[in-house]
Amino acid sequence: MPGVRFLIGPEFSPDVVRLQGFLARNAYRINCSTLHKDPDAAELVQANMPKSADLPLAVCPKGTI
């Protein structure tokens, strides 16, 4: 299924909330991961972005970010 598999970012970030709303309105099922609760998400962020200002990340089904 196309779309977004995971959103990674601060739980109550306006950008994360806005993306969650957009995806929900368009019938995409997603999981949200926070850096504080999910060590795999923190590792993914460290490997793929230079600074926290680049959050949130959207991880697609084929692994693209």
PDB file of N, CA and C in Angstrom:
ATOM      1  N   MET A   1       0.845  -1.185   0.000  1.00  0.00           N
ATOM      2  CA  MET A   1       0.000   0.000   0.000  1.00  0.00           C
ATOM      3  C   MET A   1       0.888   1.245   0.000  1.00  0.00           C
ATOM      4  N   PRO A   2       0.641   2.177  -0.922  1.00  0.00           N
ATOM      5  CA  PRO A   2       1.429   3.403  -0.937  1.00  0.00           C
ATOM      6  C   PRO A   2       1.110   4.261   0.273  1.00  0.00           C
ATOM      7  N   GLY A   3       1.951   5.217   0.513  1.00  0.00           N
ATOM      8  CA  GLY A   3       1.691   6.129   1.613  1.00  0.00           C
ATOM      9  C   GLY A   3       2.834   6.185   2.591  1.00  0.00           C
ATOM     10  N   VAL A   4       2.475   6.319   3.853  1.00  0.00           N
ATOM     11  CA  VAL A   4       3.455   6.486   4.917  1.00  0.00           C
ATOM     12  C   VAL A   4       3.285   5.360   5.921  1.00  0.00           C
ATOM     13  N   ARG A   5       4.387   4.705   6.251  1.00  0.00           N
ATOM     14  CA  ARG A   5       4.347   3.631   7.246  1.00  0.00           C
ATOM     15  C   ARG A   5       4.507   4.175   8.646  1.00  0.00           C
ATOM     16  N   PHE A   6       5.450   5.105   8.817  1.00  0.00           N
ATOM     17  CA  PHE A   6       5.715   5.696  10.126  1.00  0.00           C
ATOM     18  C   PHE A   6       5.950   7.192   9.988  1.00  0.00           C
ATOM     19  N   LEU A   7       5.533   7.923  10.991  1.00  0.00           N
ATOM     20  CA  LEU A   7       5.949   9.312  11.175  1.00  0.00           C
ATOM     21  C   LEU A   7       6.832   9.313  12.396  1.00  0.00           C
ATOM     22  N   ILE A   8       7.970   9.966  12.290  1.00  0.00           N
ATOM     23  CA  ILE A   8       8.884  10.034  13.422  1.00  0.00           C
ATOM     24  C   ILE A   8       9.106  11.491  13.768  1.00  0.00           C
ATOM     25  N   GLY A   9       8.821  11.829  15.006  1.00  0.00           N
ATOM     26  CA  GLY A   9       9.037  13.196  15.452  1.00  0.00           C
ATOM     27  C   GLY A   9       8.496  13.401  16.848  1.00  0.00           C
ATOM     28  N   PRO A  10       8.644  14.608  17.376  1.00  0.00           N
ATOM     29  CA  PRO A  10       8.111  14.912  18.700  1.00  0.00           C
ATOM     30  C   PRO A  10       6.590  14.729  18.707  1.00  0.00           C
ATOM     31  N   GLU A  11       6.097  14.045  19.705  1.00  0.00           N
ATOM     32  CA  GLU A  11       4.689  13.625  19.756  1.00  0.00           C
ATOM     33  C   GLU A  11       3.681  14.752  19.534  1.00  0.00           C
ATOM     34  N   PHE A  12       3.912  15.911  20.125  1.00  0.00           N
ATOM     35  CA  PHE A  12       2.935  16.999  20.033  1.00  0.00           C
ATOM     36  C   PHE A  12       3.421  18.146  19.157  1.00  0.00           C
ATOM     37  N   SER A  13       4.379  17.861  18.300  1.00  0.00           N
ATOM     38  CA  SER A  13       4.872  18.863  17.359  1.00  0.00           C
ATOM     39  C   SER A  13       3.743  19.266  16.412  1.00  0.00           C
ATOM     40  N   PRO A  14       3.571  20.560  16.153  1.00  0.00           N
ATOM     41  CA  PRO A  14       2.530  20.972  15.210  1.00  0.00           C
ATOM     42  C   PRO A  14       2.673  20.310  13.835  1.00  0.00           C
ATOM     43  N   ASP A  15       3.904  20.098  13.388  1.00  0.00           N
ATOM     44  CA  ASP A  15       4.106  19.451  12.088  1.00  0.00           C
ATOM     45  C   ASP A  15       3.651  18.000  12.102  1.00  0.00           C
ATOM     46  N   VAL A  16       3.930  17.281  13.189  1.00  0.00           N
ATOM     47  CA  VAL A  16       3.500  15.885  13.304  1.00  0.00           C
ATOM     48  C   VAL A  16       1.970  15.817  13.363  1.00  0.00           C
ATOM     49  N   VAL A  17       1.362  16.665  14.158  1.00  0.00           N
ATOM     50  CA  VAL A  17      -0.099  16.677  14.291  1.00  0.00           C
ATOM     51  C   VAL A  17      -0.751  17.005  12.953  1.00  0.00           C
ATOM     52  N   ARG A  18      -0.192  17.968  12.240  1.00  0.00           N
ATOM     53  CA  ARG A  18      -0.731  18.351  10.932  1.00  0.00           C
ATOM     54  C   ARG A  18      -0.620  17.184   9.929  1.00  0.00           C
ATOM     55  N   LEU A  19       0.520  16.505   9.905  1.00  0.00           N
ATOM     56  CA  LEU A  19       0.684  15.359   9.001  1.00  0.00           C
ATOM     57  C   LEU A  19      -0.239  14.207   9.378  1.00  0.00           C
ATOM     58  N   GLN A  20      -0.393  13.958  10.673  1.00  0.00           N
ATOM     59  CA  GLN A  20      -1.307  12.898  11.116  1.00  0.00           C
ATOM     60  C   GLN A  20      -2.722  13.194  10.643  1.00  0.00           C
ATOM     61  N   GLY A  21      -3.144  14.434  10.807  1.00  0.00           N
ATOM     62  CA  GLY A  21      -4.488  14.820  10.374  1.00  0.00           C
ATOM     63  C   GLY A  21      -4.670  14.652   8.881  1.00  0.00           C
ATOM     64  N   PHE A  22      -3.699  15.107   8.106  1.00  0.00           N
ATOM     65  CA  PHE A  22      -3.766  14.985   6.651  1.00  0.00           C
ATOM     66  C   PHE A  22      -3.868  13.521   6.235  1.00  0.00           C
ATOM     67  N   LEU A  23      -3.006  12.687   6.794  1.00  0.00           N
ATOM     68  CA  LEU A  23      -3.011  11.268   6.428  1.00  0.00           C
ATOM     69  C   LEU A  23      -4.305  10.584   6.864  1.00  0.00           C
ATOM     70  N   ALA A  24      -4.804  10.917   8.039  1.00  0.00           N
ATOM     71  CA  ALA A  24      -6.060  10.321   8.522  1.00  0.00           C
ATOM     72  C   ALA A  24      -7.231  10.715   7.623  1.00  0.00           C
ATOM     73  N   ARG A  25      -7.284  11.988   7.223  1.00  0.00           N
ATOM     74  CA  ARG A  25      -8.372  12.438   6.349  1.00  0.00           C
ATOM     75  C   ARG A  25      -8.332  11.749   4.991  1.00  0.00           C
ATOM     76  N   ASN A  26      -7.170  11.288   4.606  1.00  0.00           N
ATOM     77  CA  ASN A  26      -7.020  10.628   3.317  1.00  0.00           C
ATOM     78  C   ASN A  26      -6.945   9.107   3.444  1.00  0.00           C
ATOM     79  N   ALA A  27      -7.390   8.597   4.572  1.00  0.00           N
ATOM     80  CA  ALA A  27      -7.549   7.163   4.832  1.00  0.00           C
ATOM     81  C   ALA A  27      -6.245   6.372   4.807  1.00  0.00           C
ATOM     82  N   TYR A  28      -5.147   6.998   5.208  1.00  0.00           N
ATOM     83  CA  TYR A  28      -3.885   6.275   5.354  1.00  0.00           C
ATOM     84  C   TYR A  28      -3.749   5.825   6.798  1.00  0.00           C
ATOM     85  N   ARG A  29      -3.415   4.554   6.970  1.00  0.00           N
ATOM     86  CA  ARG A  29      -3.130   4.055   8.311  1.00  0.00           C
ATOM     87  C   ARG A  29      -1.646   4.256   8.566  1.00  0.00           C
ATOM     88  N   ILE A  30      -1.316   4.882   9.665  1.00  0.00           N
ATOM     89  CA  ILE A  30       0.082   5.139   9.972  1.00  0.00           C
ATOM     90  C   ILE A  30       0.362   4.812  11.429  1.00  0.00           C
ATOM     91  N   ASN A  31       1.624   4.634  11.714  1.00  0.00           N
ATOM     92  CA  ASN A  31       2.098   4.505  13.088  1.00  0.00           C
ATOM     93  C   ASN A  31       2.970   5.716  13.357  1.00  0.00           C
ATOM     94  N   CYS A  32       2.899   6.224  14.555  1.00  0.00           N
ATOM     95  CA  CYS A  32       3.760   7.330  14.943  1.00  0.00           C
ATOM     96  C   CYS A  32       4.761   6.826  15.969  1.00  0.00           C
ATOM     97  N   SER A  33       5.991   7.231  15.802  1.00  0.00           N
ATOM     98  CA  SER A  33       7.043   6.869  16.734  1.00  0.00           C
ATOM     99  C   SER A  33       7.661   8.144  17.271  1.00  0.00           C
ATOM    100  N   THR A  34       7.948   8.133  18.554  1.00  0.00           N
ATOM    101  CA  THR A  34       8.634   9.275  19.133  1.00  0.00           C
ATOM    102  C   THR A  34      10.061   8.872  19.453  1.00  0.00           C
ATOM    103  N   LEU A  35      10.931   9.836  19.402  1.00  0.00           N
ATOM    104  CA  LEU A  35      12.341   9.558  19.632  1.00  0.00           C
ATOM    105  C   LEU A  35      12.596   9.085  21.050  1.00  0.00           C
ATOM    106  N   HIS A  36      11.775   9.538  22.000  1.00  0.00           N
ATOM    107  CA  HIS A  36      11.971   9.194  23.398  1.00  0.00           C
ATOM    108  C   HIS A  36      11.501   7.775  23.722  1.00  0.00           C
ATOM    109  N   LYS A  37      10.515   7.281  22.975  1.00  0.00           N
ATOM    110  CA  LYS A  37       9.923   5.987  23.291  1.00  0.00           C
ATOM    111  C   LYS A  37      10.406   4.856  22.382  1.00  0.00           C
ATOM    112  N   ASP A  38      10.981   5.191  21.246  1.00  0.00           N
ATOM    113  CA  ASP A  38      11.335   4.164  20.266  1.00  0.00           C
ATOM    114  C   ASP A  38      12.810   4.275  19.880  1.00  0.00           C
ATOM    115  N   PRO A  39      13.653   3.384  20.414  1.00  0.00           N
ATOM    116  CA  PRO A  39      15.082   3.455  20.097  1.00  0.00           C
ATOM    117  C   PRO A  39      15.376   3.242  18.613  1.00  0.00           C
ATOM    118  N   ASP A  40      14.556   2.443  17.916  1.00  0.00           N
ATOM    119  CA  ASP A  40      14.757   2.250  16.480  1.00  0.00           C
ATOM    120  C   ASP A  40      14.513   3.545  15.715  1.00  0.00           C
ATOM    121  N   ALA A  41      13.522   4.309  16.153  1.00  0.00           N
ATOM    122  CA  ALA A  41      13.246   5.602  15.518  1.00  0.00           C
ATOM    123  C   ALA A  41      14.408   6.555  15.737  1.00  0.00           C
ATOM    124  N   ALA A  42      14.950   6.578  16.933  1.00  0.00           N
ATOM    125  CA  ALA A  42      16.088   7.454  17.235  1.00  0.00           C
ATOM    126  C   ALA A  42      17.294   7.077  16.376  1.00  0.00           C
ATOM    127  N   GLU A  43      17.511   5.783  16.185  1.00  0.00           N
ATOM    128  CA  GLU A  43      18.632   5.328  15.360  1.00  0.00           C
ATOM    129  C   GLU A  43      18.419   5.724  13.897  1.00  0.00           C
ATOM    130  N   LEU A  44      17.202   5.580  13.410  1.00  0.00           N
ATOM    131  CA  LEU A  44      16.881   5.957  12.044  1.00  0.00           C
ATOM    132  C   LEU A  44      17.105   7.451  11.823  1.00  0.00           C
ATOM    133  N   VAL A  45      16.703   8.254  12.790  1.00  0.00           N
ATOM    134  CA  VAL A  45      16.886   9.700  12.687  1.00  0.00           C
ATOM    135  C   VAL A  45      18.367  10.038  12.657  1.00  0.00           C
ATOM    136  N   GLN A  46      19.141   9.449  13.536  1.00  0.00           N
ATOM    137  CA  GLN A  46      20.578   9.720  13.570  1.00  0.00           C
ATOM    138  C   GLN A  46      21.245   9.376  12.250  1.00  0.00           C
ATOM    139  N   ALA A  47      20.810   8.308  11.638  1.00  0.00           N
ATOM    140  CA  ALA A  47      21.437   7.861  10.399  1.00  0.00           C
ATOM    141  C   ALA A  47      21.019   8.666   9.170  1.00  0.00           C
ATOM    142  N   ASN A  48      19.876   9.364   9.244  1.00  0.00           N
ATOM    143  CA  ASN A  48      19.315   9.974   8.033  1.00  0.00           C
ATOM    144  C   ASN A  48      19.100  11.472   8.046  1.00  0.00           C
ATOM    145  N   MET A  49      19.473  12.144   9.084  1.00  0.00           N
ATOM    146  CA  MET A  49      19.264  13.589   9.059  1.00  0.00           C
ATOM    147  C   MET A  49      20.339  14.313   9.849  1.00  0.00           C
ATOM    148  N   PRO A  50      20.706  15.484   9.397  1.00  0.00           N
ATOM    149  CA  PRO A  50      21.782  16.211  10.063  1.00  0.00           C
ATOM    150  C   PRO A  50      21.362  16.959  11.327  1.00  0.00           C
ATOM    151  N   LYS A  51      20.089  17.349  11.450  1.00  0.00           N
ATOM    152  CA  LYS A  51      19.675  18.127  12.624  1.00  0.00           C
ATOM    153  C   LYS A  51      18.206  17.882  12.957  1.00  0.00           C
ATOM    154  N   SER A  52      17.841  18.126  14.205  1.00  0.00           N
ATOM    155  CA  SER A  52      16.471  17.856  14.649  1.00  0.00           C
ATOM    156  C   SER A  52      15.452  18.788  14.018  1.00  0.00           C
ATOM    157  N   ALA A  53      15.877  19.899  13.452  1.00  0.00           N
ATOM    158  CA  ALA A  53      14.949  20.806  12.781  1.00  0.00           C
ATOM    159  C   ALA A  53      14.339  20.169  11.535  1.00  0.00           C
ATOM    160  N   ASP A  54      14.925  19.057  11.069  1.00  0.00           N
ATOM    161  CA  ASP A  54      14.408  18.370   9.891  1.00  0.00           C
ATOM    162  C   ASP A  54      13.239  17.446  10.213  1.00  0.00           C
ATOM    163  N   LEU A  55      12.883  17.295  11.468  1.00  0.00           N
ATOM    164  CA  LEU A  55      11.758  16.443  11.857  1.00  0.00           C
ATOM    165  C   LEU A  55      10.453  17.123  11.508  1.00  0.00           C
ATOM    166  N   PRO A  56       9.407  16.395  11.256  1.00  0.00           N
ATOM    167  CA  PRO A  56       9.260  14.949  11.330  1.00  0.00           C
ATOM    168  C   PRO A  56       9.756  14.265  10.062  1.00  0.00           C
ATOM    169  N   LEU A  57      10.045  12.990  10.213  1.00  0.00           N
ATOM    170  CA  LEU A  57      10.393  12.138   9.081  1.00  0.00           C
ATOM    171  C   LEU A  57       9.187  11.260   8.758  1.00  0.00           C
ATOM    172  N   ALA A  58       8.975  11.028   7.488  1.00  0.00           N
ATOM    173  CA  ALA A  58       7.942  10.101   7.037  1.00  0.00           C
ATOM    174  C   ALA A  58       8.652   8.917   6.409  1.00  0.00           C
ATOM    175  N   VAL A  59       8.397   7.736   6.923  1.00  0.00           N
ATOM    176  CA  VAL A  59       9.013   6.513   6.407  1.00  0.00           C
ATOM    177  C   VAL A  59       7.963   5.792   5.574  1.00  0.00           C
ATOM    178  N   CYS A  60       8.274   5.613   4.305  1.00  0.00           N
ATOM    179  CA  CYS A  60       7.341   4.975   3.377  1.00  0.00           C
ATOM    180  C   CYS A  60       7.500   3.460   3.401  1.00  0.00           C
ATOM    181  N   PRO A  61       6.516   2.717   2.865  1.00  0.00           N
ATOM    182  CA  PRO A  61       6.555   1.258   2.931  1.00  0.00           C
ATOM    183  C   PRO A  61       7.813   0.617   2.359  1.00  0.00           C
ATOM    184  N   LYS A  62       8.391   1.191   1.323  1.00  0.00           N
ATOM    185  CA  LYS A  62       9.601   0.603   0.733  1.00  0.00           C
ATOM    186  C   LYS A  62      10.874   1.067   1.443  1.00  0.00           C
ATOM    187  N   GLY A  63      10.707   1.820   2.528  1.00  0.00           N
ATOM    188  CA  GLY A  63      11.860   2.246   3.308  1.00  0.00           C
ATOM    189  C   GLY A  63      12.404   3.614   2.975  1.00  0.00           C
ATOM    190  N   THR A  64      11.858   4.258   1.961  1.00  0.00           N
ATOM    191  CA  THR A  64      12.333   5.615   1.650  1.00  0.00           C
ATOM    192  C   THR A  64      11.892   6.571   2.737  1.00  0.00           C
ATOM    193  N   ILE A  65      12.696   7.603   2.921  1.00  0.00           N
ATOM    194  CA  ILE A  65      12.411   8.570   3.989  1.00  0.00           C
ATOM    195  C   ILE A  65      12.215   9.942   3.373  1.00  0.00           C
TER     196      ILE A  65
END
